């Protein structure tokens, strides 16, 4: 099973690389937006100090700065949303094709498989979660940031806060939004990857491949206890993983926020009853003899 481990590892690296590229892109987008916001903030505060009392109360000056903040964050959204969508679509393709890639590379099983249609991937990306599409959640995130930044600036002038204080607070608000965008991207990318993996598992099984799927958590201290317990659970392809009465075809598919959001788990295939012999220790970054999370944690004294 050393060969299959190798292909699973390679697919994990491809997924991690895609996420890192997205992280770098979003960081640059938010950095640019924050720089522009700080310019507007400084200009507004500097001008405010020179205004008469009546002009300080004027609604038009407040509306103007709110409009500029809105414009900056719409510009951010225009590049952020396509970048996140691209990452999620890539995860969909990787999840599906990766199953066949691993089977062909490790077991020399040559399978003809249909590629995922663009319309199918679009439907996966646009699927409503908790009643909201991806774009709706990202728009709401943008609107919330615009509102909080504007309120921070207007309250700052009322309470005579310095530019440095306002810039610091807006920086923290922007960083929180950036991290939230990453969480959404990771969760949604993982959701569609798990969905397309399941589709590929079923297609491979229909072509005669004897296989099961196994839940694989990340071996580090950040893994939540629910996923520690799920680690190593092995079921048939059309069966579901079970945790405390909740069931799912794979990671991020429980439909329960506490189990799905920011999940870093994946599934691996068990072909012809052969289990993997090694896996990655995410604390040391070394490949170790296969252990489930409980065995790993006991040895580490976690």
C-alpha atoms as a PDB file:
ATOM      1  CA  UNK A   1       0.000   0.000   0.000  1.00  0.00           C
ATOM      2  CA  UNK A   2       3.064   2.263  -0.063  1.00  0.00           C
ATOM      3  CA  UNK A   3       2.218   3.244  -3.642  1.00  0.00           C
ATOM      4  CA  UNK A   4      -1.352   4.307  -2.857  1.00  0.00           C
ATOM      5  CA  UNK A   5      -0.062   6.301   0.117  1.00  0.00           C
ATOM      6  CA  UNK A   6       2.226   8.121  -2.302  1.00  0.00           C
ATOM      7  CA  UNK A   7      -0.663   9.142  -4.583  1.00  0.00           C
ATOM      8  CA  UNK A   8      -2.849  10.208  -1.649  1.00  0.00           C
ATOM      9  CA  UNK A   9       0.021  12.374  -0.423  1.00  0.00           C
ATOM     10  CA  UNK A  10       0.527  13.912  -3.855  1.00  0.00           C
ATOM     11  CA  UNK A  11      -3.172  14.805  -4.112  1.00  0.00           C
ATOM     12  CA  UNK A  12      -3.072  16.340  -0.633  1.00  0.00           C
ATOM     13  CA  UNK A  13      -0.114  18.474  -1.700  1.00  0.00           C
ATOM     14  CA  UNK A  14      -1.998  19.701  -4.786  1.00  0.00           C
ATOM     15  CA  UNK A  15      -4.965  20.696  -2.639  1.00  0.00           C
ATOM     16  CA  UNK A  16      -2.725  22.441  -0.091  1.00  0.00           C
ATOM     17  CA  UNK A  17      -0.931  24.305  -2.875  1.00  0.00           C
ATOM     18  CA  UNK A  18      -4.241  25.578  -4.257  1.00  0.00           C
ATOM     19  CA  UNK A  19      -5.254  26.798  -0.787  1.00  0.00           C
ATOM     20  CA  UNK A  20      -1.893  28.515  -0.245  1.00  0.00           C
ATOM     21  CA  UNK A  21      -2.196  30.283  -3.600  1.00  0.00           C
ATOM     22  CA  UNK A  22      -5.665  31.488  -2.636  1.00  0.00           C
ATOM     23  CA  UNK A  23      -4.377  32.621   0.760  1.00  0.00           C
ATOM     24  CA  UNK A  24      -1.634  34.678  -0.920  1.00  0.00           C
ATOM     25  CA  UNK A  25      -4.102  36.224  -3.369  1.00  0.00           C
ATOM     26  CA  UNK A  26      -6.610  37.160  -0.665  1.00  0.00           C
ATOM     27  CA  UNK A  27      -3.840  38.578   1.518  1.00  0.00           C
ATOM     28  CA  UNK A  28      -2.728  40.859  -1.327  1.00  0.00           C
ATOM     29  CA  UNK A  29      -6.324  41.895  -2.117  1.00  0.00           C
ATOM     30  CA  UNK A  30      -7.067  42.785   1.509  1.00  0.00           C
ATOM     31  CA  UNK A  31      -3.700  44.499   1.951  1.00  0.00           C
ATOM     32  CA  UNK A  32      -4.442  46.770  -1.018  1.00  0.00           C
ATOM     33  CA  UNK A  33      -7.956  47.520   0.258  1.00  0.00           C
ATOM     34  CA  UNK A  34      -6.675  48.307   3.764  1.00  0.00           C
ATOM     35  CA  UNK A  35      -4.068  50.687   2.354  1.00  0.00           C
ATOM     36  CA  UNK A  36      -6.788  52.561   0.447  1.00  0.00           C
ATOM     37  CA  UNK A  37      -9.063  52.605   3.490  1.00  0.00           C
ATOM     38  CA  UNK A  38      -6.301  54.127   5.609  1.00  0.00           C
ATOM     39  CA  UNK A  39      -5.798  56.898   3.043  1.00  0.00           C
ATOM     40  CA  UNK A  40      -9.514  57.756   3.234  1.00  0.00           C
ATOM     41  CA  UNK A  41      -9.505  57.560   7.024  1.00  0.00           C
ATOM     42  CA  UNK A  42      -6.512  59.868   7.408  1.00  0.00           C
ATOM     43  CA  UNK A  43      -7.927  62.376   4.963  1.00  0.00           C
ATOM     44  CA  UNK A  44     -11.311  62.373   6.709  1.00  0.00           C
ATOM     45  CA  UNK A  45      -9.819  62.798  10.204  1.00  0.00           C
ATOM     46  CA  UNK A  46      -7.382  65.516   9.087  1.00  0.00           C
ATOM     47  CA  UNK A  47     -10.157  67.442   7.341  1.00  0.00           C
ATOM     48  CA  UNK A  48     -12.552  66.914  10.243  1.00  0.00           C
ATOM     49  CA  UNK A  49     -10.273  68.769  12.630  1.00  0.00           C
ATOM     50  CA  UNK A  50     -10.405  71.831  10.373  1.00  0.00           C
ATOM     51  CA  UNK A  51     -14.190  71.918   9.926  1.00  0.00           C
ATOM     52  CA  UNK A  52     -16.566  74.200  11.749  1.00  0.00           C
ATOM     53  CA  UNK A  53     -19.024  72.621  14.201  1.00  0.00           C
ATOM     54  CA  UNK A  54     -21.931  72.894  11.749  1.00  0.00           C
ATOM     55  CA  UNK A  55     -19.964  71.263   8.936  1.00  0.00           C
ATOM     56  CA  UNK A  56     -18.873  68.450  11.226  1.00  0.00           C
ATOM     57  CA  UNK A  57     -22.524  67.592  11.653  1.00  0.00           C
ATOM     58  CA  UNK A  58     -23.253  67.790   7.926  1.00  0.00           C
ATOM     59  CA  UNK A  59     -24.671  64.554   6.572  1.00  0.00           C
ATOM     60  CA  UNK A  60     -23.149  64.975   3.116  1.00  0.00           C
ATOM     61  CA  UNK A  61     -19.544  64.678   4.351  1.00  0.00           C
ATOM     62  CA  UNK A  62     -20.436  61.508   6.253  1.00  0.00           C
ATOM     63  CA  UNK A  63     -22.193  60.078   3.223  1.00  0.00           C
ATOM     64  CA  UNK A  64     -19.187  60.863   1.050  1.00  0.00           C
ATOM     65  CA  UNK A  65     -16.759  58.927   3.225  1.00  0.00           C
ATOM     66  CA  UNK A  66     -19.235  56.041   3.527  1.00  0.00           C
ATOM     67  CA  UNK A  67     -19.498  55.988  -0.261  1.00  0.00           C
ATOM     68  CA  UNK A  68     -15.704  55.855  -0.678  1.00  0.00           C
ATOM     69  CA  UNK A  69     -15.421  52.999   1.831  1.00  0.00           C
ATOM     70  CA  UNK A  70     -18.177  51.185  -0.044  1.00  0.00           C
ATOM     71  CA  UNK A  71     -16.382  51.657  -3.372  1.00  0.00           C
ATOM     72  CA  UNK A  72     -13.091  50.333  -1.996  1.00  0.00           C
ATOM     73  CA  UNK A  73     -14.758  47.222  -0.601  1.00  0.00           C
ATOM     74  CA  UNK A  74     -16.734  46.593  -3.799  1.00  0.00           C
ATOM     75  CA  UNK A  75     -13.424  46.697  -5.661  1.00  0.00           C
ATOM     76  CA  UNK A  76     -12.090  44.148  -3.169  1.00  0.00           C
ATOM     77  CA  UNK A  77     -15.150  41.953  -3.710  1.00  0.00           C
ATOM     78  CA  UNK A  78     -14.741  42.079  -7.494  1.00  0.00           C
ATOM     79  CA  UNK A  79     -11.410  40.232  -7.226  1.00  0.00           C
ATOM     80  CA  UNK A  80     -11.990  38.257  -4.024  1.00  0.00           C
ATOM     81  CA  UNK A  81     -15.112  36.388  -5.089  1.00  0.00           C
ATOM     82  CA  UNK A  82     -13.746  35.106  -8.452  1.00  0.00           C
ATOM     83  CA  UNK A  83     -10.557  33.988  -6.703  1.00  0.00           C
ATOM     84  CA  UNK A  84     -12.486  31.998  -4.088  1.00  0.00           C
ATOM     85  CA  UNK A  85     -14.805  30.519  -6.725  1.00  0.00           C
ATOM     86  CA  UNK A  86     -11.828  29.438  -8.830  1.00  0.00           C
ATOM     87  CA  UNK A  87     -10.291  27.659  -5.833  1.00  0.00           C
ATOM     88  CA  UNK A  88     -13.544  25.858  -5.025  1.00  0.00           C
ATOM     89  CA  UNK A  89     -13.979  24.712  -8.631  1.00  0.00           C
ATOM     90  CA  UNK A  90     -10.407  23.444  -8.623  1.00  0.00           C
ATOM     91  CA  UNK A  91     -11.136  21.435  -5.478  1.00  0.00           C
ATOM     92  CA  UNK A  92     -14.188  19.905  -7.175  1.00  0.00           C
ATOM     93  CA  UNK A  93     -12.114  18.736 -10.134  1.00  0.00           C
ATOM     94  CA  UNK A  94      -9.253  17.562  -7.925  1.00  0.00           C
ATOM     95  CA  UNK A  95     -11.569  15.532  -5.705  1.00  0.00           C
ATOM     96  CA  UNK A  96     -13.122  13.698  -8.636  1.00  0.00           C
ATOM     97  CA  UNK A  97     -10.143  13.156 -10.910  1.00  0.00           C
ATOM     98  CA  UNK A  98      -7.848  12.499  -7.960  1.00  0.00           C
ATOM     99  CA  UNK A  99      -9.629   9.249  -7.117  1.00  0.00           C
ATOM    100  CA  UNK A 100      -9.004   7.848 -10.605  1.00  0.00           C
ATOM    101  CA  UNK A 101      -5.502   9.315 -10.673  1.00  0.00           C
ATOM    102  CA  UNK A 102      -4.614   7.470  -7.458  1.00  0.00           C
ATOM    103  CA  UNK A 103      -6.155   4.193  -8.655  1.00  0.00           C
ATOM    104  CA  UNK A 104      -4.325   4.310 -11.970  1.00  0.00           C
ATOM    105  CA  UNK A 105      -1.029   5.391 -10.434  1.00  0.00           C
ATOM    106  CA  UNK A 106      -0.958   2.977  -7.513  1.00  0.00           C
ATOM    107  CA  UNK A 107      -2.925  -0.060  -8.637  1.00  0.00           C
ATOM    108  CA  UNK A 108      -2.389   0.261 -12.387  1.00  0.00           C
ATOM    109  CA  UNK A 109      -6.178   0.169 -12.778  1.00  0.00           C
ATOM    110  CA  UNK A 110      -7.004   1.845 -16.079  1.00  0.00           C
ATOM    111  CA  UNK A 111     -10.501   3.319 -15.940  1.00  0.00           C
ATOM    112  CA  UNK A 112     -12.402   5.343 -18.503  1.00  0.00           C
ATOM    113  CA  UNK A 113     -14.293   8.049 -16.676  1.00  0.00           C
ATOM    114  CA  UNK A 114     -16.403  10.994 -17.711  1.00  0.00           C
ATOM    115  CA  UNK A 115     -15.122  14.411 -16.707  1.00  0.00           C
ATOM    116  CA  UNK A 116     -17.306  16.601 -14.545  1.00  0.00           C
ATOM    117  CA  UNK A 117     -19.338  19.045 -16.588  1.00  0.00           C
ATOM    118  CA  UNK A 118     -18.955  22.753 -15.930  1.00  0.00           C
ATOM    119  CA  UNK A 119     -22.687  22.999 -15.199  1.00  0.00           C
ATOM    120  CA  UNK A 120     -22.417  20.275 -12.524  1.00  0.00           C
ATOM    121  CA  UNK A 121     -19.503  22.080 -10.850  1.00  0.00           C
ATOM    122  CA  UNK A 122     -21.419  25.379 -11.010  1.00  0.00           C
ATOM    123  CA  UNK A 123     -24.376  23.740  -9.254  1.00  0.00           C
ATOM    124  CA  UNK A 124     -22.089  22.414  -6.535  1.00  0.00           C
ATOM    125  CA  UNK A 125     -20.535  25.841  -5.972  1.00  0.00           C
ATOM    126  CA  UNK A 126     -23.933  27.564  -5.943  1.00  0.00           C
ATOM    127  CA  UNK A 127     -25.606  25.050  -3.627  1.00  0.00           C
ATOM    128  CA  UNK A 128     -27.322  26.805  -0.738  1.00  0.00           C
ATOM    129  CA  UNK A 129     -25.870  26.158   2.703  1.00  0.00           C
ATOM    130  CA  UNK A 130     -28.131  27.198   5.582  1.00  0.00           C
ATOM    131  CA  UNK A 131     -30.352  28.839   2.949  1.00  0.00           C
ATOM    132  CA  UNK A 132     -27.607  30.990   1.417  1.00  0.00           C
ATOM    133  CA  UNK A 133     -25.478  30.662  -1.720  1.00  0.00           C
ATOM    134  CA  UNK A 134     -21.723  31.241  -1.632  1.00  0.00           C
ATOM    135  CA  UNK A 135     -22.051  34.628  -3.348  1.00  0.00           C
ATOM    136  CA  UNK A 136     -24.771  35.688  -0.893  1.00  0.00           C
ATOM    137  CA  UNK A 137     -22.552  34.884   2.084  1.00  0.00           C
ATOM    138  CA  UNK A 138     -19.589  36.728   0.574  1.00  0.00           C
ATOM    139  CA  UNK A 139     -21.742  39.775  -0.243  1.00  0.00           C
ATOM    140  CA  UNK A 140     -23.057  39.829   3.319  1.00  0.00           C
ATOM    141  CA  UNK A 141     -19.490  39.622   4.604  1.00  0.00           C
ATOM    142  CA  UNK A 142     -18.530  42.614   2.432  1.00  0.00           C
ATOM    143  CA  UNK A 143     -21.556  44.609   3.591  1.00  0.00           C
ATOM    144  CA  UNK A 144     -20.764  43.889   7.236  1.00  0.00           C
ATOM    145  CA  UNK A 145     -17.166  45.038   6.811  1.00  0.00           C
ATOM    146  CA  UNK A 146     -18.298  48.243   5.076  1.00  0.00           C
ATOM    147  CA  UNK A 147     -20.748  48.939   7.887  1.00  0.00           C
ATOM    148  CA  UNK A 148     -18.283  48.320  10.724  1.00  0.00           C
ATOM    149  CA  UNK A 149     -15.464  50.312   9.100  1.00  0.00           C
ATOM    150  CA  UNK A 150     -17.778  53.267   8.437  1.00  0.00           C
ATOM    151  CA  UNK A 151     -19.147  53.162  11.992  1.00  0.00           C
ATOM    152  CA  UNK A 152     -15.627  52.956  13.405  1.00  0.00           C
ATOM    153  CA  UNK A 153     -14.591  56.066  11.497  1.00  0.00           C
ATOM    154  CA  UNK A 154     -17.678  58.116  12.352  1.00  0.00           C
ATOM    155  CA  UNK A 155     -17.535  57.109  16.021  1.00  0.00           C
ATOM    156  CA  UNK A 156     -13.849  57.956  16.108  1.00  0.00           C
ATOM    157  CA  UNK A 157     -14.463  61.561  15.113  1.00  0.00           C
ATOM    158  CA  UNK A 158     -17.256  61.855  17.666  1.00  0.00           C
ATOM    159  CA  UNK A 159     -15.036  60.520  20.461  1.00  0.00           C
ATOM    160  CA  UNK A 160     -11.913  62.333  19.232  1.00  0.00           C
ATOM    161  CA  UNK A 161      -9.855  59.200  18.588  1.00  0.00           C
ATOM    162  CA  UNK A 162      -6.508  59.556  16.846  1.00  0.00           C
ATOM    163  CA  UNK A 163      -5.788  58.341  13.320  1.00  0.00           C
ATOM    164  CA  UNK A 164      -3.456  55.678  14.766  1.00  0.00           C
ATOM    165  CA  UNK A 165      -6.255  54.256  16.933  1.00  0.00           C
ATOM    166  CA  UNK A 166      -8.740  54.190  14.065  1.00  0.00           C
ATOM    167  CA  UNK A 167      -6.228  52.691  11.632  1.00  0.00           C
ATOM    168  CA  UNK A 168      -5.411  49.949  14.161  1.00  0.00           C
ATOM    169  CA  UNK A 169      -9.078  49.084  14.693  1.00  0.00           C
ATOM    170  CA  UNK A 170      -9.856  49.089  10.973  1.00  0.00           C
ATOM    171  CA  UNK A 171      -6.802  46.895  10.397  1.00  0.00           C
ATOM    172  CA  UNK A 172      -8.163  44.383  12.905  1.00  0.00           C
ATOM    173  CA  UNK A 173     -11.611  44.453  11.283  1.00  0.00           C
ATOM    174  CA  UNK A 174     -10.069  43.897   7.854  1.00  0.00           C
ATOM    175  CA  UNK A 175      -7.891  41.044   9.107  1.00  0.00           C
ATOM    176  CA  UNK A 176     -10.928  39.360  10.665  1.00  0.00           C
ATOM    177  CA  UNK A 177     -12.783  39.630   7.344  1.00  0.00           C
ATOM    178  CA  UNK A 178      -9.788  38.164   5.492  1.00  0.00           C
ATOM    179  CA  UNK A 179      -9.657  35.195   7.875  1.00  0.00           C
ATOM    180  CA  UNK A 180     -13.398  34.676   7.556  1.00  0.00           C
ATOM    181  CA  UNK A 181     -13.091  34.633   3.755  1.00  0.00           C
ATOM    182  CA  UNK A 182     -10.391  31.962   4.064  1.00  0.00           C
ATOM    183  CA  UNK A 183     -12.600  29.882   6.373  1.00  0.00           C
ATOM    184  CA  UNK A 184     -15.437  30.064   3.870  1.00  0.00           C
ATOM    185  CA  UNK A 185     -13.098  29.068   1.032  1.00  0.00           C
ATOM    186  CA  UNK A 186     -11.610  26.145   2.968  1.00  0.00           C
ATOM    187  CA  UNK A 187     -15.013  24.864   4.085  1.00  0.00           C
ATOM    188  CA  UNK A 188     -16.658  25.220   0.685  1.00  0.00           C
ATOM    189  CA  UNK A 189     -13.642  23.872  -1.198  1.00  0.00           C
ATOM    190  CA  UNK A 190     -13.611  20.862   1.096  1.00  0.00           C
ATOM    191  CA  UNK A 191     -17.365  20.377   0.774  1.00  0.00           C
ATOM    192  CA  UNK A 192     -17.312  20.170  -3.019  1.00  0.00           C
ATOM    193  CA  UNK A 193     -14.164  18.023  -2.977  1.00  0.00           C
ATOM    194  CA  UNK A 194     -15.848  15.511  -0.653  1.00  0.00           C
ATOM    195  CA  UNK A 195     -18.938  15.527  -2.875  1.00  0.00           C
ATOM    196  CA  UNK A 196     -17.001  14.850  -6.073  1.00  0.00           C
ATOM    197  CA  UNK A 197     -14.824  12.252  -4.345  1.00  0.00           C
ATOM    198  CA  UNK A 198     -17.965  10.370  -3.379  1.00  0.00           C
ATOM    199  CA  UNK A 199     -19.166  10.576  -6.981  1.00  0.00           C
ATOM    200  CA  UNK A 200     -15.819   9.166  -8.188  1.00  0.00           C
ATOM    201  CA  UNK A 201     -15.834   6.384  -5.578  1.00  0.00           C
ATOM    202  CA  UNK A 202     -19.268   5.299  -6.789  1.00  0.00           C
ATOM    203  CA  UNK A 203     -18.190   5.454 -10.444  1.00  0.00           C
ATOM    204  CA  UNK A 204     -15.083   3.349  -9.741  1.00  0.00           C
ATOM    205  CA  UNK A 205     -17.068   0.803  -7.770  1.00  0.00           C
ATOM    206  CA  UNK A 206     -19.605   0.581 -10.596  1.00  0.00           C
ATOM    207  CA  UNK A 207     -16.707  -0.371 -12.873  1.00  0.00           C
ATOM    208  CA  UNK A 208     -15.772  -3.272 -10.601  1.00  0.00           C
ATOM    209  CA  UNK A 209     -13.157  -1.782  -8.247  1.00  0.00           C
ATOM    210  CA  UNK A 210     -13.453  -3.255  -4.733  1.00  0.00           C
ATOM    211  CA  UNK A 211     -12.943  -0.365  -2.369  1.00  0.00           C
ATOM    212  CA  UNK A 212     -13.955   1.345   0.853  1.00  0.00           C
ATOM    213  CA  UNK A 213     -13.405   4.878   2.152  1.00  0.00           C
ATOM    214  CA  UNK A 214     -11.668   5.880   5.374  1.00  0.00           C
ATOM    215  CA  UNK A 215     -11.952   9.144   7.302  1.00  0.00           C
ATOM    216  CA  UNK A 216      -8.557  10.787   7.740  1.00  0.00           C
ATOM    217  CA  UNK A 217      -8.089  13.717  10.115  1.00  0.00           C
ATOM    218  CA  UNK A 218      -4.981  15.892  10.361  1.00  0.00           C
ATOM    219  CA  UNK A 219      -2.452  14.622  12.893  1.00  0.00           C
ATOM    220  CA  UNK A 220      -1.884  17.747  14.973  1.00  0.00           C
ATOM    221  CA  UNK A 221      -3.205  19.384  18.130  1.00  0.00           C
ATOM    222  CA  UNK A 222      -5.542  21.725  16.243  1.00  0.00           C
ATOM    223  CA  UNK A 223      -7.850  18.900  15.107  1.00  0.00           C
ATOM    224  CA  UNK A 224     -11.189  19.140  16.922  1.00  0.00           C
ATOM    225  CA  UNK A 225     -12.094  16.213  19.171  1.00  0.00           C
ATOM    226  CA  UNK A 226     -15.044  15.126  16.983  1.00  0.00           C
ATOM    227  CA  UNK A 227     -12.713  14.586  14.040  1.00  0.00           C
ATOM    228  CA  UNK A 228     -10.143  12.880  16.249  1.00  0.00           C
ATOM    229  CA  UNK A 229     -12.818  10.296  17.022  1.00  0.00           C
ATOM    230  CA  UNK A 230     -13.861   9.981  13.368  1.00  0.00           C
ATOM    231  CA  UNK A 231     -10.270   9.378  12.254  1.00  0.00           C
ATOM    232  CA  UNK A 232      -9.793   5.846  10.938  1.00  0.00           C
ATOM    233  CA  UNK A 233     -13.520   5.105  10.629  1.00  0.00           C
ATOM    234  CA  UNK A 234     -13.864   2.916   7.520  1.00  0.00           C
ATOM    235  CA  UNK A 235     -17.123   2.277   5.669  1.00  0.00           C
ATOM    236  CA  UNK A 236     -18.296   0.937   2.337  1.00  0.00           C
ATOM    237  CA  UNK A 237     -18.550   3.462  -0.485  1.00  0.00           C
ATOM    238  CA  UNK A 238     -22.328   3.876  -0.270  1.00  0.00           C
ATOM    239  CA  UNK A 239     -22.388   3.904   3.519  1.00  0.00           C
ATOM    240  CA  UNK A 240     -22.074   7.026   5.642  1.00  0.00           C
ATOM    241  CA  UNK A 241     -19.685   8.028   8.386  1.00  0.00           C
ATOM    242  CA  UNK A 242     -21.401   8.345  11.766  1.00  0.00           C
ATOM    243  CA  UNK A 243     -20.753  10.654  14.701  1.00  0.00           C
ATOM    244  CA  UNK A 244     -23.191  11.102  17.609  1.00  0.00           C
ATOM    245  CA  UNK A 245     -26.198  10.315  15.436  1.00  0.00           C
ATOM    246  CA  UNK A 246     -25.068  12.585  12.575  1.00  0.00           C
ATOM    247  CA  UNK A 247     -24.194  10.981   9.240  1.00  0.00           C
ATOM    248  CA  UNK A 248     -22.231  12.123   6.183  1.00  0.00           C
ATOM    249  CA  UNK A 249     -20.734  10.792   2.958  1.00  0.00           C
ATOM    250  CA  UNK A 250     -17.487  12.566   3.850  1.00  0.00           C
ATOM    251  CA  UNK A 251     -15.903  15.569   5.603  1.00  0.00           C
ATOM    252  CA  UNK A 252     -17.884  18.843   5.621  1.00  0.00           C
ATOM    253  CA  UNK A 253     -21.061  17.024   4.549  1.00  0.00           C
ATOM    254  CA  UNK A 254     -22.783  16.585   7.933  1.00  0.00           C
ATOM    255  CA  UNK A 255     -24.768  19.791   7.533  1.00  0.00           C
ATOM    256  CA  UNK A 256     -23.773  20.708  11.100  1.00  0.00           C
ATOM    257  CA  UNK A 257     -21.680  23.859  11.490  1.00  0.00           C
ATOM    258  CA  UNK A 258     -19.643  22.521  14.413  1.00  0.00           C
ATOM    259  CA  UNK A 259     -18.619  19.480  12.386  1.00  0.00           C
ATOM    260  CA  UNK A 260     -18.178  21.101   8.973  1.00  0.00           C
ATOM    261  CA  UNK A 261     -16.753  24.628   9.269  1.00  0.00           C
ATOM    262  CA  UNK A 262     -12.991  24.941   8.725  1.00  0.00           C
ATOM    263  CA  UNK A 263     -12.628  21.147   8.672  1.00  0.00           C
ATOM    264  CA  UNK A 264      -9.237  19.914   7.398  1.00  0.00           C
ATOM    265  CA  UNK A 265     -10.155  16.229   7.119  1.00  0.00           C
ATOM    266  CA  UNK A 266     -10.280  14.126   3.976  1.00  0.00           C
ATOM    267  CA  UNK A 267     -11.059  10.555   2.965  1.00  0.00           C
ATOM    268  CA  UNK A 268      -8.709   7.980   1.522  1.00  0.00           C
ATOM    269  CA  UNK A 269      -9.595   4.882  -0.472  1.00  0.00           C
ATOM    270  CA  UNK A 270      -8.985   1.345   0.770  1.00  0.00           C
ATOM    271  CA  UNK A 271      -8.584  -0.785  -2.366  1.00  0.00           C
ATOM    272  CA  UNK A 272      -9.087  -4.557  -2.287  1.00  0.00           C
ATOM    273  CA  UNK A 273      -8.967  -4.481   1.516  1.00  0.00           C
ATOM    274  CA  UNK A 274      -5.408  -3.116   1.645  1.00  0.00           C
ATOM    275  CA  UNK A 275      -4.920  -0.365   4.227  1.00  0.00           C
ATOM    276  CA  UNK A 276      -2.284   2.396   4.057  1.00  0.00           C
ATOM    277  CA  UNK A 277       1.007   1.705   5.809  1.00  0.00           C
ATOM    278  CA  UNK A 278       2.118   5.299   6.439  1.00  0.00           C
ATOM    279  CA  UNK A 279       0.687   8.785   6.935  1.00  0.00           C
ATOM    280  CA  UNK A 280       1.900  12.319   7.642  1.00  0.00           C
ATOM    281  CA  UNK A 281       2.501  13.670  11.134  1.00  0.00           C
ATOM    282  CA  UNK A 282       1.492  17.315  10.706  1.00  0.00           C
ATOM    283  CA  UNK A 283       3.394  18.373  13.834  1.00  0.00           C
ATOM    284  CA  UNK A 284       6.790  17.105  12.657  1.00  0.00           C
ATOM    285  CA  UNK A 285       5.914  17.147   8.912  1.00  0.00           C
ATOM    286  CA  UNK A 286       7.406  13.643   8.712  1.00  0.00           C
ATOM    287  CA  UNK A 287       5.881  10.507   7.199  1.00  0.00           C
ATOM    288  CA  UNK A 288       5.305   7.962   9.967  1.00  0.00           C
ATOM    289  CA  UNK A 289       4.027   4.413  10.290  1.00  0.00           C
ATOM    290  CA  UNK A 290       0.231   4.448  10.017  1.00  0.00           C
ATOM    291  CA  UNK A 291      -1.585   5.200  13.272  1.00  0.00           C
ATOM    292  CA  UNK A 292      -5.080   6.501  13.882  1.00  0.00           C
ATOM    293  CA  UNK A 293      -5.421   9.804  15.767  1.00  0.00           C
ATOM    294  CA  UNK A 294      -5.978   8.152  19.147  1.00  0.00           C
ATOM    295  CA  UNK A 295      -2.836   6.009  18.803  1.00  0.00           C
ATOM    296  CA  UNK A 296      -0.831   9.009  17.596  1.00  0.00           C
ATOM    297  CA  UNK A 297      -2.068  11.229  20.455  1.00  0.00           C
ATOM    298  CA  UNK A 298      -1.308   8.602  23.102  1.00  0.00           C
ATOM    299  CA  UNK A 299       2.257   8.262  21.854  1.00  0.00           C
ATOM    300  CA  UNK A 300       2.645  12.067  21.771  1.00  0.00           C
ATOM    301  CA  UNK A 301       1.096  12.449  25.208  1.00  0.00           C
ATOM    302  CA  UNK A 302      -1.482  14.877  23.804  1.00  0.00           C
END
